Amino acid sequence: MSKKVLDHLHADHEDDYAFHDKMAMAHKAMQGHHEPGSPDHTFHKDAHEAHVASRDHAKRQMAECAEAAKAAAAADLVKFNPDRLIPTNASAIAPPRPEVRAIPRAGSPTISAAAGPSQVAQFEEIFGKRQQDVDYQDPTVRN
């Protein structure tokens, strides 16, 4: 579960706990206003026990939400640990695959099999070398 969901569930269980705690105390107090064994006394006694059970359940659920939040946080730390290598099965350099071929669209120029480094030479022939490329000196290299 995400942290937001766990936070909302924990808040709901806190509200339930507070409500049932107040109701249990109120019914406990009302038991003293009635004769033991009377229907009103029995009602408040049963209501007190039911609210105590619900309060205890809400408390257990709050503890489970806290444990789940800790487990989720620990899982996130493991998942996003930069020291741990995660295989991606991706390569920066794709090997040549003869079974894969380009299919040009209608009207486009044909694709030569030797497309690649020879294109750089073609561009240099057409546009020439830029003066900044010819005069460039690496500032990190000392003469």
N, C-alpha and C. Protein backbone atom coordinates (compact mmCIF):
# COMPACT_ATOMS: atom_id res chain seq x y z
N MET A 1 0.84 -1.18 0.00
CA MET A 1 0.00 0.00 0.00
C MET A 1 0.88 1.23 0.00
N SER A 2 0.35 2.29 -0.56
CA SER A 2 1.14 3.52 -0.59
C SER A 2 1.07 4.21 0.76
N LYS A 3 2.00 5.13 0.96
CA LYS A 3 2.08 5.84 2.23
C LYS A 3 0.81 6.65 2.48
N LYS A 4 0.25 7.26 1.44
CA LYS A 4 -0.96 8.05 1.62
C LYS A 4 -2.11 7.18 2.11
N VAL A 5 -2.27 6.01 1.51
CA VAL A 5 -3.36 5.12 1.91
C VAL A 5 -3.17 4.70 3.37
N LEU A 6 -1.94 4.34 3.72
CA LEU A 6 -1.67 3.93 5.10
C LEU A 6 -1.91 5.08 6.07
N ASP A 7 -1.55 6.30 5.68
CA ASP A 7 -1.80 7.46 6.55
C ASP A 7 -3.29 7.67 6.76
N HIS A 8 -4.08 7.55 5.68
CA HIS A 8 -5.52 7.72 5.80
C HIS A 8 -6.14 6.63 6.67
N LEU A 9 -5.71 5.39 6.46
CA LEU A 9 -6.24 4.29 7.27
C LEU A 9 -5.88 4.48 8.74
N HIS A 10 -4.64 4.89 8.99
CA HIS A 10 -4.21 5.10 10.38
C HIS A 10 -5.06 6.21 11.02
N ALA A 11 -5.30 7.29 10.29
CA ALA A 11 -6.11 8.39 10.81
C ALA A 11 -7.55 7.93 11.07
N ASP A 12 -8.10 7.11 10.17
CA ASP A 12 -9.45 6.60 10.39
C ASP A 12 -9.52 5.72 11.63
N HIS A 13 -8.51 4.88 11.83
CA HIS A 13 -8.49 4.02 13.02
C HIS A 13 -8.30 4.84 14.29
N GLU A 14 -7.53 5.92 14.21
CA GLU A 14 -7.39 6.81 15.37
C GLU A 14 -8.73 7.43 15.73
N ASP A 15 -9.48 7.89 14.70
CA ASP A 15 -10.81 8.46 14.94
C ASP A 15 -11.74 7.42 15.55
N ASP A 16 -11.71 6.20 15.00
CA ASP A 16 -12.55 5.13 15.55
C ASP A 16 -12.18 4.85 17.01
N TYR A 17 -10.89 4.82 17.28
CA TYR A 17 -10.43 4.55 18.66
C TYR A 17 -10.96 5.63 19.60
N ALA A 18 -10.82 6.89 19.21
CA ALA A 18 -11.26 7.99 20.07
C ALA A 18 -12.78 7.92 20.29
N PHE A 19 -13.54 7.65 19.22
CA PHE A 19 -14.99 7.58 19.35
C PHE A 19 -15.40 6.45 20.29
N HIS A 20 -14.88 5.25 20.05
CA HIS A 20 -15.29 4.10 20.87
C HIS A 20 -14.80 4.23 22.31
N ASP A 21 -13.67 4.89 22.52
CA ASP A 21 -13.19 5.11 23.88
C ASP A 21 -14.17 6.03 24.63
N LYS A 22 -14.60 7.12 23.99
CA LYS A 22 -15.56 8.03 24.63
C LYS A 22 -16.89 7.33 24.90
N MET A 23 -17.36 6.57 23.92
CA MET A 23 -18.64 5.89 24.10
C MET A 23 -18.55 4.82 25.19
N ALA A 24 -17.44 4.11 25.28
CA ALA A 24 -17.27 3.10 26.33
C ALA A 24 -17.30 3.76 27.70
N MET A 25 -16.62 4.89 27.84
CA MET A 25 -16.61 5.60 29.12
C MET A 25 -18.01 6.14 29.46
N ALA A 26 -18.72 6.63 28.46
CA ALA A 26 -20.06 7.17 28.70
C ALA A 26 -21.01 6.06 29.15
N HIS A 27 -20.97 4.91 28.50
CA HIS A 27 -21.84 3.80 28.89
C HIS A 27 -21.44 3.25 30.26
N LYS A 28 -20.15 3.27 30.56
CA LYS A 28 -19.70 2.82 31.89
C LYS A 28 -20.26 3.75 32.97
N ALA A 29 -20.22 5.05 32.68
CA ALA A 29 -20.76 6.01 33.64
C ALA A 29 -22.27 5.87 33.79
N MET A 30 -22.96 5.59 32.69
CA MET A 30 -24.42 5.47 32.74
C MET A 30 -24.87 4.21 33.48
N GLN A 31 -24.00 3.20 33.57
CA GLN A 31 -24.38 1.98 34.31
C GLN A 31 -24.66 2.31 35.77
N GLY A 32 -23.90 3.27 36.28
CA GLY A 32 -24.07 3.62 37.70
C GLY A 32 -25.37 4.35 37.99
N HIS A 33 -26.04 4.84 36.98
CA HIS A 33 -27.30 5.57 37.19
C HIS A 33 -28.51 4.65 37.19
N HIS A 34 -28.30 3.36 36.96
CA HIS A 34 -29.43 2.43 36.87
C HIS A 34 -29.21 1.26 37.82
N GLU A 35 -30.32 0.66 38.21
CA GLU A 35 -30.30 -0.51 39.10
C GLU A 35 -29.62 -1.68 38.39
N PRO A 36 -28.68 -2.39 39.05
CA PRO A 36 -28.11 -3.58 38.42
C PRO A 36 -29.20 -4.59 38.09
N GLY A 37 -29.12 -5.13 36.89
CA GLY A 37 -30.11 -6.11 36.43
C GLY A 37 -31.27 -5.49 35.68
N SER A 38 -31.42 -4.16 35.76
CA SER A 38 -32.52 -3.51 35.03
C SER A 38 -32.18 -3.49 33.53
N PRO A 39 -33.18 -3.35 32.67
CA PRO A 39 -32.92 -3.31 31.23
C PRO A 39 -31.95 -2.18 30.84
N ASP A 40 -32.08 -1.02 31.47
CA ASP A 40 -31.19 0.10 31.13
C ASP A 40 -29.75 -0.21 31.55
N HIS A 41 -29.59 -0.81 32.73
CA HIS A 41 -28.25 -1.16 33.20
C HIS A 41 -27.63 -2.21 32.27
N THR A 42 -28.42 -3.20 31.88
CA THR A 42 -27.94 -4.25 30.98
C THR A 42 -27.56 -3.66 29.62
N PHE A 43 -28.39 -2.72 29.12
CA PHE A 43 -28.09 -2.07 27.84
C PHE A 43 -26.74 -1.35 27.90
N HIS A 44 -26.54 -0.55 28.95
CA HIS A 44 -25.29 0.22 29.05
C HIS A 44 -24.09 -0.70 29.28
N LYS A 45 -24.29 -1.79 30.00
CA LYS A 45 -23.21 -2.74 30.21
C LYS A 45 -22.81 -3.39 28.88
N ASP A 46 -23.81 -3.85 28.11
CA ASP A 46 -23.54 -4.48 26.81
C ASP A 46 -22.92 -3.47 25.83
N ALA A 47 -23.43 -2.24 25.84
CA ALA A 47 -22.90 -1.21 24.96
C ALA A 47 -21.45 -0.89 25.34
N HIS A 48 -21.17 -0.84 26.64
CA HIS A 48 -19.80 -0.59 27.11
C HIS A 48 -18.86 -1.68 26.60
N GLU A 49 -19.26 -2.94 26.73
CA GLU A 49 -18.43 -4.06 26.28
C GLU A 49 -18.22 -4.02 24.76
N ALA A 50 -19.27 -3.67 24.01
CA ALA A 50 -19.16 -3.60 22.56
C ALA A 50 -18.20 -2.48 22.14
N HIS A 51 -18.29 -1.34 22.81
CA HIS A 51 -17.40 -0.22 22.47
C HIS A 51 -15.96 -0.50 22.88
N VAL A 52 -15.78 -1.21 23.99
CA VAL A 52 -14.42 -1.59 24.39
C VAL A 52 -13.81 -2.53 23.35
N ALA A 53 -14.60 -3.48 22.87
CA ALA A 53 -14.11 -4.41 21.84
C ALA A 53 -13.76 -3.65 20.55
N SER A 54 -14.62 -2.71 20.15
CA SER A 54 -14.35 -1.92 18.94
C SER A 54 -13.14 -1.03 19.13
N ARG A 55 -12.99 -0.46 20.34
CA ARG A 55 -11.83 0.39 20.63
C ARG A 55 -10.54 -0.42 20.53
N ASP A 56 -10.56 -1.62 21.10
CA ASP A 56 -9.37 -2.48 21.07
C ASP A 56 -9.04 -2.91 19.63
N HIS A 57 -10.08 -3.16 18.85
CA HIS A 57 -9.86 -3.52 17.44
C HIS A 57 -9.21 -2.35 16.69
N ALA A 58 -9.70 -1.14 16.92
CA ALA A 58 -9.12 0.04 16.26
C ALA A 58 -7.66 0.21 16.68
N LYS A 59 -7.36 -0.07 17.93
CA LYS A 59 -5.97 0.04 18.40
C LYS A 59 -5.07 -0.97 17.69
N ARG A 60 -5.56 -2.21 17.53
CA ARG A 60 -4.78 -3.22 16.80
C ARG A 60 -4.59 -2.82 15.35
N GLN A 61 -5.62 -2.26 14.73
CA GLN A 61 -5.52 -1.82 13.34
C GLN A 61 -4.52 -0.67 13.18
N MET A 62 -4.48 0.22 14.17
CA MET A 62 -3.49 1.31 14.13
C MET A 62 -2.09 0.74 14.18
N ALA A 63 -1.88 -0.26 15.02
CA ALA A 63 -0.56 -0.89 15.12
C ALA A 63 -0.20 -1.60 13.81
N GLU A 64 -1.17 -2.26 13.18
CA GLU A 64 -0.90 -2.93 11.91
C GLU A 64 -0.56 -1.91 10.81
N CYS A 65 -1.24 -0.77 10.81
CA CYS A 65 -0.93 0.29 9.83
C CYS A 65 0.49 0.81 10.05
N ALA A 66 0.88 0.97 11.31
CA ALA A 66 2.22 1.46 11.60
C ALA A 66 3.27 0.46 11.13
N GLU A 67 3.02 -0.83 11.36
CA GLU A 67 3.95 -1.87 10.90
C GLU A 67 4.01 -1.91 9.37
N ALA A 68 2.86 -1.79 8.72
CA ALA A 68 2.83 -1.80 7.25
C ALA A 68 3.57 -0.59 6.69
N ALA A 69 3.44 0.55 7.36
CA ALA A 69 4.16 1.75 6.90
C ALA A 69 5.66 1.55 7.03
N LYS A 70 6.10 0.93 8.13
CA LYS A 70 7.53 0.65 8.30
C LYS A 70 8.03 -0.32 7.24
N ALA A 71 7.24 -1.35 6.95
CA ALA A 71 7.63 -2.33 5.94
C ALA A 71 7.67 -1.69 4.55
N ALA A 72 6.70 -0.81 4.27
CA ALA A 72 6.69 -0.14 2.97
C ALA A 72 7.89 0.79 2.83
N ALA A 73 8.24 1.48 3.92
CA ALA A 73 9.40 2.37 3.88
C ALA A 73 10.68 1.57 3.68
N ALA A 74 10.78 0.43 4.35
CA ALA A 74 11.97 -0.41 4.19
C ALA A 74 12.05 -0.96 2.76
N ALA A 75 10.92 -1.34 2.20
CA ALA A 75 10.90 -1.85 0.82
C ALA A 75 11.31 -0.75 -0.15
N ASP A 76 10.86 0.49 0.10
CA ASP A 76 11.25 1.60 -0.77
C ASP A 76 12.74 1.85 -0.69
N LEU A 77 13.33 1.71 0.50
CA LEU A 77 14.77 1.91 0.63
C LEU A 77 15.54 0.86 -0.14
N VAL A 78 15.05 -0.37 -0.11
CA VAL A 78 15.73 -1.44 -0.85
C VAL A 78 15.55 -1.23 -2.34
N LYS A 79 14.35 -0.84 -2.74
CA LYS A 79 14.04 -0.69 -4.16
C LYS A 79 14.86 0.44 -4.79
N PHE A 80 15.02 1.55 -4.09
CA PHE A 80 15.67 2.72 -4.65
C PHE A 80 17.08 2.93 -4.11
N ASN A 81 17.72 1.87 -3.67
CA ASN A 81 19.08 1.98 -3.16
C ASN A 81 20.03 2.16 -4.34
N PRO A 82 20.73 3.31 -4.42
CA PRO A 82 21.61 3.54 -5.57
C PRO A 82 22.84 2.64 -5.57
N ASP A 83 23.19 2.05 -4.44
CA ASP A 83 24.36 1.17 -4.39
C ASP A 83 24.06 -0.21 -4.95
N ARG A 84 22.81 -0.52 -5.08
CA ARG A 84 22.40 -1.83 -5.57
C ARG A 84 22.17 -1.76 -7.07
N LEU A 85 22.81 -2.63 -7.82
CA LEU A 85 22.63 -2.65 -9.26
C LEU A 85 21.31 -3.33 -9.60
N ILE A 86 20.58 -2.70 -10.47
CA ILE A 86 19.31 -3.25 -10.92
C ILE A 86 19.45 -3.57 -12.40
N PRO A 87 19.39 -4.83 -12.79
CA PRO A 87 19.54 -5.16 -14.21
C PRO A 87 18.37 -4.60 -15.01
N THR A 88 18.70 -3.97 -16.11
CA THR A 88 17.66 -3.39 -16.95
C THR A 88 17.51 -4.11 -18.28
N ASN A 89 18.47 -5.00 -18.57
CA ASN A 89 18.47 -5.72 -19.85
C ASN A 89 18.46 -4.75 -21.03
N ALA A 90 19.06 -3.60 -20.85
CA ALA A 90 19.17 -2.62 -21.92
C ALA A 90 20.64 -2.37 -22.19
N SER A 91 20.97 -2.15 -23.42
CA SER A 91 22.34 -1.90 -23.81
C SER A 91 22.42 -0.57 -24.51
N ALA A 92 23.50 0.18 -24.25
CA ALA A 92 23.69 1.46 -24.92
C ALA A 92 24.08 1.24 -26.37
N ILE A 93 24.69 0.13 -26.66
CA ILE A 93 25.10 -0.17 -28.03
C ILE A 93 24.34 -1.41 -28.47
N ALA A 94 23.51 -1.23 -29.47
CA ALA A 94 22.72 -2.35 -29.97
C ALA A 94 23.53 -3.11 -31.01
N PRO A 95 23.61 -4.41 -30.90
CA PRO A 95 24.34 -5.18 -31.90
C PRO A 95 23.59 -5.18 -33.23
N PRO A 96 24.32 -5.35 -34.33
CA PRO A 96 23.63 -5.41 -35.62
C PRO A 96 22.73 -6.65 -35.68
N ARG A 97 21.55 -6.44 -36.18
CA ARG A 97 20.60 -7.54 -36.28
C ARG A 97 20.16 -7.67 -37.72
N PRO A 98 20.64 -8.71 -38.42
CA PRO A 98 20.29 -8.85 -39.83
C PRO A 98 18.81 -9.11 -40.07
N GLU A 99 18.11 -9.64 -39.07
CA GLU A 99 16.69 -9.93 -39.28
C GLU A 99 15.82 -8.68 -39.20
N VAL A 100 16.40 -7.58 -38.70
CA VAL A 100 15.66 -6.33 -38.63
C VAL A 100 16.12 -5.45 -39.79
N ARG A 101 15.18 -4.98 -40.57
CA ARG A 101 15.56 -4.11 -41.68
C ARG A 101 14.60 -2.94 -41.75
N ALA A 102 15.10 -1.83 -42.25
CA ALA A 102 14.29 -0.63 -42.39
C ALA A 102 13.42 -0.74 -43.63
N ILE A 103 12.22 -0.28 -43.52
CA ILE A 103 11.31 -0.27 -44.66
C ILE A 103 10.99 1.19 -44.94
N PRO A 104 11.54 1.74 -46.03
CA PRO A 104 11.30 3.16 -46.33
C PRO A 104 9.86 3.40 -46.77
N ARG A 105 9.40 4.59 -46.51
CA ARG A 105 8.06 4.98 -46.95
C ARG A 105 8.08 5.28 -48.43
N ALA A 106 6.93 5.28 -49.03
CA ALA A 106 6.82 5.57 -50.46
C ALA A 106 7.33 6.97 -50.73
N GLY A 107 8.20 7.09 -51.72
CA GLY A 107 8.73 8.39 -52.11
C GLY A 107 9.99 8.80 -51.37
N SER A 108 10.40 8.06 -50.34
CA SER A 108 11.61 8.43 -49.60
C SER A 108 12.82 7.85 -50.33
N PRO A 109 13.99 8.45 -50.10
CA PRO A 109 15.19 7.93 -50.76
C PRO A 109 15.52 6.54 -50.22
N THR A 110 16.22 5.77 -51.01
CA THR A 110 16.61 4.43 -50.57
C THR A 110 17.65 4.53 -49.46
N ILE A 111 17.67 3.53 -48.63
CA ILE A 111 18.61 3.49 -47.50
C ILE A 111 19.78 2.62 -47.91
N SER A 112 20.97 3.18 -47.84
CA SER A 112 22.14 2.40 -48.23
C SER A 112 22.55 1.49 -47.08
N ALA A 113 23.12 0.37 -47.39
CA ALA A 113 23.56 -0.58 -46.38
C ALA A 113 24.75 -0.04 -45.60
N ALA A 114 25.48 0.89 -46.19
CA ALA A 114 26.69 1.41 -45.55
C ALA A 114 26.42 2.72 -44.83
N ALA A 115 25.18 3.00 -44.46
CA ALA A 115 24.88 4.24 -43.76
C ALA A 115 25.61 4.23 -42.43
N GLY A 116 26.26 5.27 -42.10
CA GLY A 116 26.99 5.33 -40.84
C GLY A 116 28.13 6.32 -40.94
N PRO A 117 29.37 5.92 -40.62
CA PRO A 117 30.48 6.87 -40.59
C PRO A 117 30.75 7.55 -41.93
N SER A 118 30.39 6.90 -43.03
CA SER A 118 30.63 7.53 -44.33
C SER A 118 29.78 8.78 -44.50
N GLN A 119 28.68 8.88 -43.74
CA GLN A 119 27.83 10.06 -43.85
C GLN A 119 28.56 11.30 -43.33
N VAL A 120 29.42 11.14 -42.34
CA VAL A 120 30.18 12.26 -41.81
C VAL A 120 31.05 12.84 -42.91
N ALA A 121 31.69 11.98 -43.67
CA ALA A 121 32.53 12.44 -44.78
C ALA A 121 31.69 13.15 -45.82
N GLN A 122 30.48 12.66 -46.08
CA GLN A 122 29.61 13.32 -47.05
C GLN A 122 29.25 14.73 -46.59
N PHE A 123 28.95 14.89 -45.30
CA PHE A 123 28.62 16.22 -44.78
C PHE A 123 29.81 17.15 -44.83
N GLU A 124 31.01 16.61 -44.54
CA GLU A 124 32.20 17.45 -44.62
C GLU A 124 32.46 17.89 -46.05
N GLU A 125 32.18 17.04 -46.99
CA GLU A 125 32.35 17.42 -48.39
C GLU A 125 31.38 18.54 -48.77
N ILE A 126 30.15 18.44 -48.28
CA ILE A 126 29.13 19.42 -48.65
C ILE A 126 29.35 20.75 -47.91
N PHE A 127 29.52 20.67 -46.59
CA PHE A 127 29.57 21.89 -45.79
C PHE A 127 30.97 22.31 -45.38
N GLY A 128 31.93 21.43 -45.48
CA GLY A 128 33.29 21.73 -45.05
C GLY A 128 33.38 21.67 -43.53
N LYS A 129 34.61 21.70 -43.02
CA LYS A 129 34.78 21.69 -41.57
C LYS A 129 34.53 23.08 -41.04
N ARG A 130 33.89 23.15 -39.87
CA ARG A 130 33.68 24.45 -39.25
C ARG A 130 35.01 24.93 -38.70
N GLN A 131 35.25 26.22 -38.77
CA GLN A 131 36.51 26.79 -38.30
C GLN A 131 36.70 26.53 -36.80
N GLN A 132 35.61 26.57 -36.04
CA GLN A 132 35.74 26.34 -34.59
C GLN A 132 36.17 24.89 -34.30
N ASP A 133 35.79 23.92 -35.17
CA ASP A 133 36.24 22.55 -34.98
C ASP A 133 37.73 22.41 -35.29
N VAL A 134 38.19 23.17 -36.28
CA VAL A 134 39.59 23.07 -36.67
C VAL A 134 40.48 23.72 -35.61
N ASP A 135 40.07 24.89 -35.07
CA ASP A 135 40.88 25.66 -34.12
C ASP A 135 40.67 25.24 -32.68
N TYR A 136 39.82 24.31 -32.41
CA TYR A 136 39.48 23.96 -31.04
C TYR A 136 40.67 23.33 -30.33
N GLN A 137 40.91 23.82 -29.11
CA GLN A 137 41.94 23.21 -28.26
C GLN A 137 41.28 22.88 -26.94
N ASP A 138 41.52 21.70 -26.45
CA ASP A 138 40.94 21.25 -25.19
C ASP A 138 41.55 22.04 -24.06
N PRO A 139 40.74 22.76 -23.25
CA PRO A 139 41.29 23.59 -22.17
C PRO A 139 41.90 22.75 -21.04
N THR A 140 41.59 21.47 -20.97
CA THR A 140 42.15 20.65 -19.90
C THR A 140 43.54 20.12 -20.23
N VAL A 141 43.93 20.24 -21.50
CA VAL A 141 45.23 19.73 -21.93
C VAL A 141 46.24 20.89 -21.92
N ARG A 142 47.37 20.70 -21.22
CA ARG A 142 48.40 21.74 -21.19
C ARG A 142 49.45 21.45 -22.24
N ASN A 143 49.97 22.50 -22.85
CA ASN A 143 51.02 22.33 -23.85
C ASN A 143 52.37 22.21 -23.23
